[in-house]
N, C-alpha and C. Protein backbone atom coordinates (compact mmCIF):
# COMPACT_ATOMS: atom_id res chain seq x y z
N MET A 1 -8.49 -23.06 18.65
CA MET A 1 -9.30 -22.81 17.46
C MET A 1 -9.00 -21.43 16.87
N GLN A 2 -8.90 -20.40 17.74
CA GLN A 2 -8.62 -19.04 17.24
C GLN A 2 -7.24 -18.96 16.60
N LEU A 3 -6.28 -19.66 17.19
CA LEU A 3 -4.92 -19.66 16.63
C LEU A 3 -4.94 -20.24 15.22
N MET A 4 -5.67 -21.33 15.02
CA MET A 4 -5.76 -21.94 13.69
C MET A 4 -6.41 -20.97 12.70
N GLU A 5 -7.45 -20.26 13.16
CA GLU A 5 -8.12 -19.29 12.28
C GLU A 5 -7.17 -18.17 11.90
N ARG A 6 -6.38 -17.66 12.87
CA ARG A 6 -5.42 -16.58 12.58
C ARG A 6 -4.36 -17.05 11.60
N GLU A 7 -3.87 -18.30 11.80
CA GLU A 7 -2.84 -18.82 10.89
C GLU A 7 -3.40 -18.99 9.48
N GLU A 8 -4.66 -19.46 9.39
CA GLU A 8 -5.29 -19.62 8.08
C GLU A 8 -5.47 -18.27 7.40
N LYS A 9 -5.90 -17.25 8.17
CA LYS A 9 -6.08 -15.91 7.61
C LYS A 9 -4.73 -15.36 7.14
N ALA A 10 -3.69 -15.56 7.94
CA ALA A 10 -2.35 -15.07 7.56
C ALA A 10 -1.87 -15.76 6.28
N ARG A 11 -2.21 -17.07 6.14
CA ARG A 11 -1.81 -17.79 4.93
C ARG A 11 -2.56 -17.27 3.71
N LEU A 12 -3.86 -17.01 3.86
CA LEU A 12 -4.67 -16.54 2.74
C LEU A 12 -4.42 -15.08 2.40
N HIS A 13 -4.08 -14.27 3.43
CA HIS A 13 -3.88 -12.83 3.22
C HIS A 13 -2.53 -12.40 3.78
N PRO A 14 -1.41 -12.86 3.17
CA PRO A 14 -0.10 -12.54 3.72
C PRO A 14 0.19 -11.07 3.80
N ARG A 15 -0.29 -10.25 2.83
CA ARG A 15 -0.02 -8.82 2.83
C ARG A 15 -0.74 -8.15 4.00
N SER A 16 -1.99 -8.58 4.23
CA SER A 16 -2.76 -8.01 5.33
C SER A 16 -2.06 -8.30 6.64
N SER A 17 -1.58 -9.54 6.79
CA SER A 17 -0.88 -9.95 8.01
C SER A 17 0.41 -9.15 8.17
N LYS A 18 1.14 -8.95 7.08
CA LYS A 18 2.40 -8.20 7.11
C LYS A 18 2.13 -6.75 7.50
N SER A 19 1.08 -6.17 6.95
CA SER A 19 0.73 -4.79 7.26
C SER A 19 0.42 -4.64 8.74
N LYS A 20 -0.33 -5.59 9.29
CA LYS A 20 -0.66 -5.56 10.72
C LYS A 20 0.60 -5.69 11.56
N GLU A 21 1.50 -6.57 11.13
CA GLU A 21 2.76 -6.77 11.85
C GLU A 21 3.58 -5.48 11.89
N MET A 22 3.64 -4.76 10.74
CA MET A 22 4.38 -3.50 10.70
C MET A 22 3.74 -2.46 11.62
N SER A 23 2.41 -2.42 11.67
CA SER A 23 1.70 -1.50 12.56
C SER A 23 2.04 -1.80 14.02
N GLU A 24 2.08 -3.09 14.35
CA GLU A 24 2.41 -3.49 15.73
C GLU A 24 3.84 -3.10 16.09
N LEU A 25 4.75 -3.24 15.13
CA LEU A 25 6.15 -2.84 15.39
C LEU A 25 6.22 -1.33 15.66
N LEU A 26 5.50 -0.54 14.87
CA LEU A 26 5.47 0.92 15.10
C LEU A 26 4.91 1.24 16.48
N SER A 27 3.88 0.52 16.89
CA SER A 27 3.29 0.75 18.22
C SER A 27 4.31 0.45 19.32
N ARG A 28 5.06 -0.63 19.15
CA ARG A 28 6.07 -0.97 20.16
C ARG A 28 7.17 0.09 20.25
N VAL A 29 7.54 0.63 19.10
CA VAL A 29 8.55 1.71 19.09
C VAL A 29 7.98 2.94 19.78
N ALA A 30 6.72 3.28 19.47
CA ALA A 30 6.10 4.48 20.04
C ALA A 30 5.91 4.35 21.55
N GLU A 31 5.43 3.19 22.00
CA GLU A 31 5.07 3.03 23.41
C GLU A 31 6.27 2.78 24.31
N ARG A 32 7.25 1.98 23.81
CA ARG A 32 8.33 1.56 24.71
C ARG A 32 9.73 1.89 24.20
N GLY A 33 9.81 2.52 23.03
CA GLY A 33 11.15 2.75 22.45
C GLY A 33 11.83 1.42 22.19
N ASP A 34 11.07 0.44 21.73
CA ASP A 34 11.53 -0.94 21.53
C ASP A 34 12.56 -1.00 20.40
N VAL A 35 13.81 -1.22 20.77
CA VAL A 35 14.92 -1.23 19.80
C VAL A 35 14.81 -2.43 18.86
N VAL A 36 14.37 -3.58 19.38
CA VAL A 36 14.25 -4.77 18.54
C VAL A 36 13.18 -4.55 17.47
N ALA A 37 12.06 -3.93 17.86
CA ALA A 37 11.00 -3.63 16.90
C ALA A 37 11.51 -2.65 15.84
N PHE A 38 12.27 -1.65 16.28
CA PHE A 38 12.81 -0.67 15.34
C PHE A 38 13.78 -1.33 14.37
N GLN A 39 14.61 -2.24 14.89
CA GLN A 39 15.57 -2.94 14.02
C GLN A 39 14.83 -3.72 12.94
N GLU A 40 13.71 -4.35 13.31
CA GLU A 40 12.92 -5.09 12.33
C GLU A 40 12.33 -4.14 11.28
N LEU A 41 11.84 -2.99 11.73
CA LEU A 41 11.33 -1.99 10.79
C LEU A 41 12.44 -1.53 9.86
N PHE A 42 13.61 -1.27 10.45
CA PHE A 42 14.75 -0.79 9.67
C PHE A 42 15.12 -1.79 8.58
N GLU A 43 15.24 -3.07 8.98
CA GLU A 43 15.63 -4.11 8.02
C GLU A 43 14.59 -4.27 6.92
N ASN A 44 13.33 -4.05 7.28
CA ASN A 44 12.25 -4.20 6.31
C ASN A 44 12.15 -3.02 5.35
N PHE A 45 12.29 -1.80 5.89
CA PHE A 45 12.01 -0.62 5.07
C PHE A 45 13.23 0.11 4.52
N ALA A 46 14.38 0.06 5.18
CA ALA A 46 15.54 0.82 4.69
C ALA A 46 15.88 0.47 3.23
N PRO A 47 15.97 -0.83 2.87
CA PRO A 47 16.29 -1.14 1.47
C PRO A 47 15.19 -0.69 0.51
N ARG A 48 13.93 -0.79 0.93
CA ARG A 48 12.81 -0.40 0.07
C ARG A 48 12.80 1.12 -0.15
N VAL A 49 13.06 1.86 0.93
CA VAL A 49 13.08 3.32 0.81
C VAL A 49 14.26 3.75 -0.07
N LYS A 50 15.42 3.11 0.14
CA LYS A 50 16.60 3.45 -0.69
C LYS A 50 16.29 3.19 -2.17
N SER A 51 15.67 2.05 -2.45
CA SER A 51 15.31 1.71 -3.83
C SER A 51 14.33 2.73 -4.40
N TYR A 52 13.36 3.14 -3.60
CA TYR A 52 12.38 4.16 -4.01
C TYR A 52 13.10 5.46 -4.37
N MET A 53 14.05 5.88 -3.52
CA MET A 53 14.79 7.12 -3.76
C MET A 53 15.60 7.04 -5.05
N MET A 54 16.20 5.88 -5.30
CA MET A 54 16.99 5.73 -6.52
C MET A 54 16.09 5.74 -7.76
N ARG A 55 14.89 5.14 -7.64
CA ARG A 55 13.95 5.20 -8.76
C ARG A 55 13.53 6.63 -9.05
N LYS A 56 13.54 7.47 -7.99
CA LYS A 56 13.16 8.87 -8.16
C LYS A 56 14.34 9.73 -8.61
N GLY A 57 15.50 9.11 -8.86
CA GLY A 57 16.62 9.84 -9.43
C GLY A 57 17.77 10.15 -8.49
N ALA A 58 17.69 9.72 -7.23
CA ALA A 58 18.78 9.98 -6.29
C ALA A 58 19.96 9.05 -6.59
N ASP A 59 21.19 9.54 -6.38
CA ASP A 59 22.35 8.68 -6.51
C ASP A 59 22.38 7.75 -5.28
N PRO A 60 23.14 6.65 -5.32
CA PRO A 60 23.13 5.68 -4.23
C PRO A 60 23.44 6.28 -2.85
N ASN A 61 24.41 7.22 -2.77
CA ASN A 61 24.75 7.82 -1.47
C ASN A 61 23.60 8.66 -0.92
N THR A 62 23.02 9.49 -1.78
CA THR A 62 21.89 10.32 -1.34
C THR A 62 20.71 9.44 -0.96
N ALA A 63 20.46 8.39 -1.76
CA ALA A 63 19.35 7.48 -1.46
C ALA A 63 19.56 6.82 -0.10
N GLU A 64 20.80 6.43 0.19
CA GLU A 64 21.12 5.82 1.49
C GLU A 64 20.89 6.81 2.62
N GLU A 65 21.35 8.05 2.43
CA GLU A 65 21.16 9.09 3.46
C GLU A 65 19.67 9.33 3.72
N LEU A 66 18.89 9.43 2.65
CA LEU A 66 17.46 9.69 2.79
C LEU A 66 16.74 8.51 3.45
N ALA A 67 17.18 7.29 3.14
CA ALA A 67 16.58 6.11 3.78
C ALA A 67 16.86 6.14 5.27
N GLN A 68 18.11 6.47 5.65
CA GLN A 68 18.45 6.53 7.08
C GLN A 68 17.71 7.67 7.77
N GLU A 69 17.59 8.79 7.09
CA GLU A 69 16.85 9.93 7.65
C GLU A 69 15.38 9.57 7.84
N THR A 70 14.82 8.81 6.89
CA THR A 70 13.43 8.37 7.00
C THR A 70 13.25 7.49 8.24
N LEU A 71 14.14 6.52 8.41
CA LEU A 71 14.02 5.61 9.55
C LEU A 71 14.25 6.33 10.87
N LEU A 72 15.15 7.30 10.88
CA LEU A 72 15.38 8.09 12.10
C LEU A 72 14.12 8.89 12.44
N THR A 73 13.46 9.43 11.44
CA THR A 73 12.20 10.15 11.65
C THR A 73 11.14 9.21 12.21
N ILE A 74 11.10 7.98 11.70
CA ILE A 74 10.14 6.99 12.20
C ILE A 74 10.41 6.72 13.68
N TRP A 75 11.67 6.59 14.05
CA TRP A 75 12.03 6.35 15.45
C TRP A 75 11.53 7.50 16.33
N ARG A 76 11.74 8.74 15.85
CA ARG A 76 11.35 9.90 16.66
C ARG A 76 9.85 10.15 16.67
N LYS A 77 9.17 9.83 15.57
CA LYS A 77 7.76 10.22 15.43
C LYS A 77 6.79 9.04 15.39
N ALA A 78 7.22 7.87 15.82
CA ALA A 78 6.35 6.68 15.76
C ALA A 78 5.03 6.91 16.48
N SER A 79 5.03 7.74 17.50
CA SER A 79 3.80 7.98 18.26
C SER A 79 2.74 8.71 17.43
N LEU A 80 3.14 9.33 16.33
CA LEU A 80 2.18 10.04 15.47
C LEU A 80 1.44 9.11 14.52
N TYR A 81 1.92 7.86 14.40
CA TYR A 81 1.28 6.92 13.48
C TYR A 81 -0.03 6.39 14.06
N SER A 82 -1.04 6.31 13.20
CA SER A 82 -2.32 5.71 13.58
C SER A 82 -2.78 4.82 12.44
N ASP A 83 -3.03 3.53 12.74
CA ASP A 83 -3.44 2.62 11.67
C ASP A 83 -4.83 2.94 11.14
N GLU A 84 -5.55 3.82 11.82
CA GLU A 84 -6.86 4.24 11.32
C GLU A 84 -6.72 5.13 10.09
N LYS A 85 -5.56 5.78 9.94
CA LYS A 85 -5.35 6.70 8.82
C LYS A 85 -4.71 6.02 7.62
N GLY A 86 -4.31 4.76 7.76
CA GLY A 86 -3.68 4.05 6.65
C GLY A 86 -2.67 3.04 7.14
N SER A 87 -2.09 2.30 6.20
CA SER A 87 -1.13 1.26 6.56
C SER A 87 0.20 1.87 7.00
N ALA A 88 0.98 1.07 7.70
CA ALA A 88 2.31 1.50 8.13
C ALA A 88 3.17 1.84 6.92
N THR A 89 3.05 1.04 5.87
CA THR A 89 3.84 1.26 4.66
C THR A 89 3.53 2.63 4.05
N THR A 90 2.25 2.95 3.97
CA THR A 90 1.85 4.24 3.40
C THR A 90 2.43 5.38 4.23
N TRP A 91 2.33 5.26 5.56
CA TRP A 91 2.83 6.30 6.46
C TRP A 91 4.34 6.48 6.29
N ILE A 92 5.07 5.38 6.24
CA ILE A 92 6.54 5.43 6.12
C ILE A 92 6.96 6.03 4.78
N PHE A 93 6.29 5.62 3.70
CA PHE A 93 6.66 6.16 2.39
C PHE A 93 6.23 7.61 2.23
N THR A 94 5.23 8.05 2.97
CA THR A 94 4.87 9.47 2.96
C THR A 94 5.99 10.28 3.60
N ILE A 95 6.52 9.78 4.70
CA ILE A 95 7.67 10.44 5.35
C ILE A 95 8.84 10.51 4.37
N ALA A 96 9.13 9.39 3.72
CA ALA A 96 10.26 9.33 2.77
C ALA A 96 10.06 10.35 1.64
N ARG A 97 8.85 10.38 1.10
CA ARG A 97 8.55 11.30 0.01
C ARG A 97 8.74 12.75 0.44
N ASN A 98 8.25 13.08 1.63
CA ASN A 98 8.38 14.46 2.13
C ASN A 98 9.83 14.84 2.37
N LEU A 99 10.62 13.90 2.90
CA LEU A 99 12.05 14.18 3.11
C LEU A 99 12.76 14.40 1.77
N ARG A 100 12.38 13.62 0.77
CA ARG A 100 12.98 13.78 -0.56
C ARG A 100 12.65 15.16 -1.12
N ILE A 101 11.40 15.57 -0.98
CA ILE A 101 10.99 16.89 -1.48
C ILE A 101 11.74 18.00 -0.75
N ASP A 102 11.87 17.87 0.58
CA ASP A 102 12.62 18.87 1.37
C ASP A 102 14.06 18.95 0.89
N ARG A 103 14.68 17.79 0.64
CA ARG A 103 16.07 17.76 0.18
C ARG A 103 16.19 18.45 -1.18
N LEU A 104 15.26 18.16 -2.09
CA LEU A 104 15.31 18.78 -3.42
C LEU A 104 15.16 20.29 -3.32
N ARG A 105 14.30 20.76 -2.44
CA ARG A 105 14.10 22.21 -2.28
C ARG A 105 15.36 22.89 -1.76
N ARG A 106 16.06 22.19 -0.85
CA ARG A 106 17.30 22.78 -0.31
C ARG A 106 18.41 22.80 -1.35
N GLU A 107 18.52 21.71 -2.11
CA GLU A 107 19.64 21.57 -3.04
C GLU A 107 19.42 22.29 -4.37
N PHE A 108 18.17 22.37 -4.81
CA PHE A 108 17.88 22.97 -6.11
C PHE A 108 16.84 24.07 -5.94
N PRO A 109 17.26 25.25 -5.54
CA PRO A 109 16.28 26.33 -5.39
C PRO A 109 15.62 26.64 -6.72
N TRP A 110 14.46 27.23 -6.63
CA TRP A 110 13.69 27.53 -7.84
C TRP A 110 14.45 28.49 -8.73
N GLN A 111 14.40 28.22 -10.03
CA GLN A 111 15.02 29.12 -11.01
C GLN A 111 14.00 29.39 -12.11
N ALA A 112 13.98 30.64 -12.56
CA ALA A 112 13.06 30.99 -13.64
C ALA A 112 13.53 30.36 -14.94
N LEU A 113 12.57 29.93 -15.75
CA LEU A 113 12.90 29.38 -17.06
C LEU A 113 13.22 30.53 -18.01
N PRO A 114 14.04 30.26 -19.02
CA PRO A 114 14.34 31.31 -19.99
C PRO A 114 13.06 31.81 -20.65
N GLU A 115 13.06 33.06 -21.02
CA GLU A 115 11.88 33.65 -21.64
C GLU A 115 11.51 32.90 -22.91
N GLY A 116 10.22 32.71 -23.09
CA GLY A 116 9.74 32.01 -24.29
C GLY A 116 9.80 30.50 -24.18
N HIS A 117 10.22 29.98 -23.06
CA HIS A 117 10.31 28.53 -22.90
C HIS A 117 9.03 28.02 -22.24
N ASN A 118 8.24 27.33 -23.00
CA ASN A 118 6.99 26.76 -22.48
C ASN A 118 7.14 25.25 -22.38
N GLU A 119 7.24 24.80 -21.16
CA GLU A 119 7.40 23.36 -20.94
C GLU A 119 6.11 22.82 -20.33
N GLU A 120 5.54 21.83 -20.99
CA GLU A 120 4.31 21.23 -20.49
C GLU A 120 4.64 19.93 -19.80
N ALA A 121 3.88 19.65 -18.75
CA ALA A 121 4.06 18.38 -18.04
C ALA A 121 3.64 17.23 -18.93
N SER A 122 4.35 16.13 -18.81
CA SER A 122 4.02 14.94 -19.60
C SER A 122 2.75 14.28 -19.07
N ASP A 123 1.95 13.77 -19.98
CA ASP A 123 0.75 13.02 -19.59
C ASP A 123 1.08 11.55 -19.34
N ASP A 124 2.33 11.16 -19.64
CA ASP A 124 2.71 9.76 -19.46
C ASP A 124 2.71 9.40 -17.98
N THR A 125 2.29 8.18 -17.69
CA THR A 125 2.33 7.69 -16.31
C THR A 125 3.79 7.46 -15.93
N PRO A 126 4.24 8.01 -14.78
CA PRO A 126 5.62 7.79 -14.36
C PRO A 126 5.92 6.30 -14.21
N PRO A 127 7.17 5.88 -14.49
CA PRO A 127 7.52 4.45 -14.45
C PRO A 127 7.21 3.79 -13.11
N ASP A 128 7.47 4.49 -11.98
CA ASP A 128 7.21 3.85 -10.69
C ASP A 128 5.72 3.62 -10.48
N GLU A 129 4.88 4.52 -11.03
CA GLU A 129 3.43 4.32 -10.92
C GLU A 129 2.99 3.19 -11.84
N GLN A 130 3.65 3.04 -13.00
CA GLN A 130 3.32 1.93 -13.89
C GLN A 130 3.60 0.60 -13.20
N VAL A 131 4.75 0.52 -12.51
CA VAL A 131 5.11 -0.69 -11.78
C VAL A 131 4.08 -0.96 -10.69
N SER A 132 3.70 0.08 -9.93
CA SER A 132 2.71 -0.08 -8.87
C SER A 132 1.39 -0.55 -9.44
N GLU A 133 0.99 0.02 -10.57
CA GLU A 133 -0.30 -0.36 -11.18
C GLU A 133 -0.26 -1.81 -11.67
N ARG A 134 0.87 -2.21 -12.26
CA ARG A 134 1.00 -3.61 -12.69
C ARG A 134 0.92 -4.54 -11.49
N GLU A 135 1.61 -4.18 -10.40
CA GLU A 135 1.59 -5.02 -9.20
C GLU A 135 0.19 -5.06 -8.61
N ARG A 136 -0.51 -3.91 -8.59
CA ARG A 136 -1.88 -3.87 -8.08
C ARG A 136 -2.80 -4.79 -8.89
N LYS A 137 -2.69 -4.70 -10.24
CA LYS A 137 -3.53 -5.55 -11.09
C LYS A 137 -3.24 -7.02 -10.86
N GLN A 138 -1.95 -7.35 -10.71
CA GLN A 138 -1.57 -8.75 -10.46
C GLN A 138 -2.15 -9.24 -9.14
N ARG A 139 -2.07 -8.39 -8.12
CA ARG A 139 -2.62 -8.77 -6.81
C ARG A 139 -4.14 -8.94 -6.87
N ILE A 140 -4.81 -8.04 -7.60
CA ILE A 140 -6.27 -8.15 -7.73
C ILE A 140 -6.62 -9.44 -8.46
N HIS A 141 -5.90 -9.74 -9.53
CA HIS A 141 -6.14 -10.98 -10.29
C HIS A 141 -5.95 -12.19 -9.38
N THR A 142 -4.87 -12.20 -8.58
CA THR A 142 -4.60 -13.31 -7.66
C THR A 142 -5.71 -13.41 -6.62
N ALA A 143 -6.13 -12.26 -6.09
CA ALA A 143 -7.20 -12.25 -5.08
C ALA A 143 -8.51 -12.76 -5.66
N LEU A 144 -8.81 -12.36 -6.91
CA LEU A 144 -10.04 -12.83 -7.56
C LEU A 144 -10.03 -14.34 -7.73
N SER A 145 -8.86 -14.89 -8.18
CA SER A 145 -8.82 -16.34 -8.38
C SER A 145 -8.87 -17.11 -7.07
N ALA A 146 -8.54 -16.45 -5.95
CA ALA A 146 -8.57 -17.14 -4.65
C ALA A 146 -9.95 -17.06 -3.98
N LEU A 147 -10.85 -16.25 -4.57
CA LEU A 147 -12.18 -16.12 -3.96
C LEU A 147 -12.95 -17.43 -4.07
N PRO A 148 -13.80 -17.72 -3.07
CA PRO A 148 -14.70 -18.87 -3.21
C PRO A 148 -15.59 -18.67 -4.44
N ARG A 149 -16.05 -19.79 -5.02
CA ARG A 149 -16.80 -19.74 -6.28
C ARG A 149 -18.01 -18.80 -6.21
N ASP A 150 -18.76 -18.84 -5.09
CA ASP A 150 -19.98 -18.02 -4.99
C ASP A 150 -19.64 -16.52 -4.99
N GLN A 151 -18.53 -16.13 -4.33
CA GLN A 151 -18.12 -14.72 -4.32
C GLN A 151 -17.57 -14.31 -5.68
N HIS A 152 -16.78 -15.20 -6.29
CA HIS A 152 -16.20 -14.92 -7.60
C HIS A 152 -17.32 -14.68 -8.63
N GLU A 153 -18.37 -15.48 -8.52
CA GLU A 153 -19.48 -15.39 -9.47
C GLU A 153 -20.17 -14.02 -9.39
N VAL A 154 -20.46 -13.53 -8.17
CA VAL A 154 -21.17 -12.25 -8.06
C VAL A 154 -20.27 -11.08 -8.50
N VAL A 155 -18.97 -11.18 -8.20
CA VAL A 155 -18.04 -10.12 -8.62
C VAL A 155 -17.96 -10.07 -10.15
N THR A 156 -17.88 -11.25 -10.78
CA THR A 156 -17.81 -11.32 -12.24
C THR A 156 -19.06 -10.72 -12.88
N LEU A 157 -20.22 -11.10 -12.35
CA LEU A 157 -21.47 -10.58 -12.91
C LEU A 157 -21.57 -9.06 -12.73
N SER A 158 -21.11 -8.59 -11.57
CA SER A 158 -21.23 -7.16 -11.28
C SER A 158 -20.25 -6.32 -12.11
N TYR A 159 -18.97 -6.68 -12.06
CA TYR A 159 -17.94 -5.82 -12.66
C TYR A 159 -17.67 -6.12 -14.13
N LEU A 160 -17.78 -7.37 -14.52
CA LEU A 160 -17.47 -7.68 -15.92
C LEU A 160 -18.71 -7.62 -16.80
N GLU A 161 -19.88 -7.97 -16.25
CA GLU A 161 -21.10 -7.93 -17.05
C GLU A 161 -21.96 -6.71 -16.73
N GLY A 162 -21.56 -5.93 -15.72
CA GLY A 162 -22.24 -4.69 -15.40
C GLY A 162 -23.63 -4.85 -14.82
N MET A 163 -23.88 -5.98 -14.18
CA MET A 163 -25.22 -6.22 -13.62
C MET A 163 -25.35 -5.58 -12.24
N SER A 164 -26.55 -5.12 -11.93
CA SER A 164 -26.82 -4.57 -10.60
C SER A 164 -27.00 -5.73 -9.61
N HIS A 165 -27.00 -5.40 -8.33
CA HIS A 165 -27.16 -6.44 -7.30
C HIS A 165 -28.50 -7.16 -7.47
N SER A 166 -29.55 -6.39 -7.76
CA SER A 166 -30.87 -7.03 -7.90
C SER A 166 -30.91 -7.92 -9.15
N GLU A 167 -30.26 -7.52 -10.23
CA GLU A 167 -30.21 -8.37 -11.43
C GLU A 167 -29.45 -9.67 -11.16
N ILE A 168 -28.36 -9.55 -10.38
CA ILE A 168 -27.58 -10.75 -10.02
C ILE A 168 -28.44 -11.68 -9.17
N ALA A 169 -29.16 -11.10 -8.19
CA ALA A 169 -30.02 -11.91 -7.31
C ALA A 169 -31.06 -12.65 -8.14
N GLU A 170 -31.64 -11.95 -9.11
CA GLU A 170 -32.66 -12.57 -9.96
C GLU A 170 -32.06 -13.69 -10.82
N ARG A 171 -30.91 -13.42 -11.43
CA ARG A 171 -30.30 -14.43 -12.30
C ARG A 171 -29.90 -15.68 -11.51
N LEU A 172 -29.34 -15.49 -10.30
CA LEU A 172 -28.86 -16.63 -9.52
C LEU A 172 -29.94 -17.23 -8.62
N GLY A 173 -31.10 -16.56 -8.56
CA GLY A 173 -32.18 -17.05 -7.70
C GLY A 173 -31.82 -16.96 -6.23
N LEU A 174 -31.17 -15.85 -5.86
CA LEU A 174 -30.73 -15.65 -4.47
C LEU A 174 -31.41 -14.43 -3.87
N PRO A 175 -31.53 -14.40 -2.54
CA PRO A 175 -32.02 -13.17 -1.91
C PRO A 175 -31.01 -12.03 -2.14
N LEU A 176 -31.52 -10.81 -2.26
CA LEU A 176 -30.67 -9.64 -2.50
C LEU A 176 -29.61 -9.50 -1.40
N GLY A 177 -30.01 -9.74 -0.16
CA GLY A 177 -29.08 -9.63 0.97
C GLY A 177 -27.90 -10.58 0.83
N THR A 178 -28.13 -11.78 0.30
CA THR A 178 -27.04 -12.75 0.10
C THR A 178 -26.05 -12.24 -0.93
N VAL A 179 -26.58 -11.67 -2.02
CA VAL A 179 -25.70 -11.12 -3.07
C VAL A 179 -24.85 -10.00 -2.49
N LYS A 180 -25.48 -9.09 -1.74
CA LYS A 180 -24.74 -7.96 -1.15
C LYS A 180 -23.68 -8.46 -0.17
N SER A 181 -24.02 -9.46 0.62
CA SER A 181 -23.08 -10.02 1.59
C SER A 181 -21.88 -10.63 0.88
N ARG A 182 -22.13 -11.39 -0.20
CA ARG A 182 -21.02 -12.00 -0.95
C ARG A 182 -20.14 -10.93 -1.59
N MET A 183 -20.76 -9.87 -2.11
CA MET A 183 -19.99 -8.77 -2.70
C MET A 183 -19.11 -8.11 -1.65
N ARG A 184 -19.69 -7.87 -0.47
CA ARG A 184 -18.95 -7.21 0.60
C ARG A 184 -17.74 -8.05 1.03
N LEU A 185 -17.94 -9.36 1.20
CA LEU A 185 -16.84 -10.25 1.60
C LEU A 185 -15.75 -10.28 0.52
N ALA A 186 -16.18 -10.37 -0.74
CA ALA A 186 -15.21 -10.41 -1.84
C ALA A 186 -14.42 -9.10 -1.91
N TYR A 187 -15.12 -7.97 -1.80
CA TYR A 187 -14.46 -6.66 -1.84
C TYR A 187 -13.44 -6.53 -0.71
N GLN A 188 -13.81 -6.99 0.48
CA GLN A 188 -12.90 -6.89 1.63
C GLN A 188 -11.63 -7.70 1.38
N LYS A 189 -11.77 -8.90 0.83
CA LYS A 189 -10.59 -9.74 0.55
C LYS A 189 -9.69 -9.09 -0.51
N ILE A 190 -10.32 -8.53 -1.54
CA ILE A 190 -9.53 -7.89 -2.60
C ILE A 190 -8.83 -6.66 -2.05
N ARG A 191 -9.54 -5.85 -1.24
CA ARG A 191 -8.96 -4.64 -0.66
C ARG A 191 -7.77 -4.99 0.23
N GLU A 192 -7.90 -6.03 1.04
CA GLU A 192 -6.80 -6.43 1.93
C GLU A 192 -5.56 -6.84 1.14
N SER A 193 -5.77 -7.38 -0.05
CA SER A 193 -4.62 -7.85 -0.83
C SER A 193 -3.84 -6.70 -1.46
N VAL A 194 -4.46 -5.51 -1.58
CA VAL A 194 -3.76 -4.38 -2.22
C VAL A 194 -3.55 -3.19 -1.29
N GLU A 195 -4.02 -3.27 -0.04
CA GLU A 195 -4.04 -2.07 0.81
C GLU A 195 -2.68 -1.48 1.14
N ASP A 196 -1.63 -2.34 1.15
CA ASP A 196 -0.33 -1.79 1.55
C ASP A 196 0.57 -1.48 0.37
N LEU A 197 0.02 -1.50 -0.83
CA LEU A 197 0.85 -1.15 -2.00
C LEU A 197 1.25 0.30 -1.96
N GLN A 198 2.46 0.55 -2.29
CA GLN A 198 2.94 1.94 -2.33
C GLN A 198 3.28 2.28 -3.75
């Protein structure tokens, strides 16, 4: 029975299941130096990290070097990962980001701007963040449509119509505790669908 429940949960929440799988692989690397687990992490993250580096402006060779350096750091520091602090994906991309910043500092030391040159930072959302935001919205939309009708109804009334929990309870003729419980379950499902976005 438990196996069927786990398979059903994995089917309904593939990202959550994937995130847990990546955390388990990191644990195996940390505890036993598990080469097979590391190979799986490498195959999963090396192309993604390389793509991330190229989106940030690195040439293909530098992006490849930084991706390999990121995975080597994961191999050496897997014991520092804790799933209580965030998903495996977040931890890995934080390492990648920090390595990229270190590389930029080494290669391009700070230089003073010419006198009279006032450059302001752009208020535009960076393209990679726009992509992440679009993907997040798509995942939230998918998660909302997958909610059971009773949970979907309370979320719609709360977020789209701006009703309080007590107003929802009154409109639907439900106990306040039931409304709060449905909101909590719906929020958890939506959060699981976006938690590993980078």
